[in-house]
Protein backbone atom coordinates (compact mmCIF):
# COMPACT_ATOMS: atom_id res chain seq x y z
CA MET A 1 -20.40 -11.06 4.82
CA THR A 2 -21.24 -10.90 8.48
CA VAL A 3 -18.89 -9.47 11.09
CA PRO A 4 -18.03 -12.92 12.53
CA GLU A 5 -17.25 -14.19 9.00
CA ALA A 6 -15.01 -11.18 8.36
CA VAL A 7 -13.19 -11.70 11.65
CA GLN A 8 -12.64 -15.36 10.79
CA LEU A 9 -11.21 -14.39 7.40
CA ILE A 10 -8.81 -11.91 9.02
CA LEU A 11 -7.67 -14.52 11.54
CA GLN A 12 -7.06 -17.00 8.72
CA ALA A 13 -5.04 -14.41 6.78
CA SER A 14 -2.94 -13.62 9.85
CA SER A 15 -2.18 -17.30 10.34
CA MET A 16 -0.87 -17.46 6.74
CA ALA A 17 1.57 -14.57 7.24
CA LYS A 18 5.27 -15.27 6.97
CA GLY A 19 6.31 -11.62 7.28
CA GLY A 20 5.86 -8.67 4.95
CA GLU A 21 2.88 -9.90 2.94
CA ILE A 22 -0.05 -7.68 2.15
CA PHE A 23 -3.33 -9.57 2.07
CA VAL A 24 -6.45 -8.51 0.15
CA LEU A 25 -9.67 -10.17 1.26
CA ARG A 26 -12.56 -11.14 -0.98
CA MET A 27 -15.42 -10.29 1.31
CA GLY A 28 -18.33 -10.85 -1.06
CA THR A 29 -20.98 -8.40 -2.13
CA PRO A 30 -20.78 -5.17 -0.15
CA VAL A 31 -23.71 -4.05 1.94
CA LYS A 32 -24.49 -0.47 0.91
CA LYS A 33 -25.88 2.11 3.28
CA SER A 34 -26.98 5.63 2.48
CA GLY A 35 -24.08 8.04 2.25
CA GLU A 36 -21.53 5.24 1.95
CA LYS A 37 -18.77 5.42 -0.62
CA MET A 38 -19.85 3.34 -3.62
CA ASP A 39 -16.42 2.11 -4.72
CA GLU A 40 -13.08 1.59 -3.03
CA GLU A 41 -9.94 0.97 -5.08
CA LEU A 42 -7.59 -0.99 -2.85
CA VAL A 43 -5.04 -2.05 -5.44
CA GLU A 44 -3.55 0.01 -8.26
CA ASP A 45 -2.48 -2.93 -10.41
CA HIS A 46 -4.60 -6.05 -10.08
CA ALA A 47 -1.92 -8.04 -11.91
CA ASP A 48 0.07 -7.93 -8.66
CA LEU A 49 -2.59 -10.00 -6.85
CA LYS A 50 -1.92 -13.71 -6.40
CA ASP A 51 -4.27 -16.36 -5.11
CA SER A 52 -3.44 -17.97 -1.81
CA ALA A 53 -4.36 -21.35 -0.37
CA HIS A 54 -7.63 -19.80 0.84
CA PRO A 55 -10.21 -18.90 -1.86
CA SER A 56 -11.16 -15.61 -0.17
CA ILE A 57 -7.62 -14.39 0.56
CA MET A 58 -5.29 -12.95 -2.08
CA VAL A 59 -1.71 -11.83 -1.59
CA LEU A 60 -0.90 -8.44 -3.05
CA ARG A 61 2.79 -9.09 -2.86
CA GLU A 62 5.33 -10.80 -0.77
CA ALA A 63 6.62 -7.44 0.34
CA GLU A 64 10.27 -6.94 0.91
CA VAL A 65 10.73 -5.82 4.45
CA ARG A 66 12.34 -2.41 4.25
CA ASP A 67 14.14 -0.50 6.91
CA LEU A 68 11.58 2.31 7.04
CA GLU A 69 13.34 4.19 9.82
CA LYS A 70 16.54 4.29 7.73
CA ASP A 71 14.61 5.51 4.67
CA ILE A 72 12.95 8.29 6.68
CA MET A 73 16.28 9.41 8.20
CA ASN A 74 17.85 9.43 4.73
CA LEU A 75 14.96 11.50 3.39
CA GLU A 76 15.29 13.95 6.29
CA ILE A 77 19.00 14.42 5.63
CA LEU A 78 18.39 14.90 1.92
CA THR A 79 15.80 17.61 2.58
CA ARG A 80 18.64 19.73 3.96
CA THR A 81 21.30 18.97 1.38
CA ALA A 82 19.90 17.63 -1.89
CA PRO A 83 18.17 19.32 -4.81
CA SER A 84 14.42 18.83 -5.21
CA LYS A 85 14.98 16.41 -8.09
CA THR A 86 16.86 13.99 -5.82
CA LEU A 87 14.09 14.17 -3.20
CA VAL A 88 11.44 13.47 -5.82
CA GLU A 89 13.43 10.46 -7.10
CA LEU A 90 13.71 9.03 -3.59
CA LEU A 91 10.02 9.61 -2.88
CA ASN A 92 9.15 7.86 -6.17
CA LYS A 93 11.29 4.91 -5.12
CA LEU A 94 9.67 4.69 -1.67
CA VAL A 95 6.11 5.42 -2.87
CA PRO A 96 5.73 4.41 -6.55
CA SER A 97 2.31 6.08 -6.81
CA PHE A 98 3.74 9.44 -5.63
CA THR A 99 3.08 12.25 -8.11
CA PRO A 100 5.05 15.40 -7.34
CA ALA A 101 3.58 18.87 -7.63
CA ILE A 102 5.62 21.55 -9.36
CA VAL A 103 8.06 23.18 -6.94
CA HIS A 104 7.48 26.91 -7.35
CA GLY A 105 10.41 29.25 -7.49
CA THR A 106 13.20 26.68 -7.81
CA GLY A 107 12.79 25.37 -11.34
CA ASP A 108 14.47 22.07 -10.40
CA ALA A 109 11.50 19.81 -9.58
C-alpha cells in the first residue's frame, strides 16, 4: 500500500468514528526492509475484530469511553492505602493483558 492509499484509509476510518472505537486497518502485504520487524501483533484476540462497512477497515471494539483521569486518581489513592492484591486487581481490570510480577518482601501480591 502506498502512503497516499494509507492516508486515504485513515481518513475513511476517522469519518466512520462515532466515539470510542478502535479501528484496525487491512493495509495489504507489508513491504519489508532490512532490519525491519517481521511480525507485529496488534490484537490479542482476533475474535474481537468485526468487519465494518469498508472492506479494509475492521473495528476492534466499540470501546466504552472510560473516565481515565478518575481511574488514575483512584489508582494513585490506592497505592497509598490498599494492599498489593487490590492494586493488582484494579490494574487487571484497567489493562486485561497486565501480568503482575511477584512483589518481593510483602507476600501479598
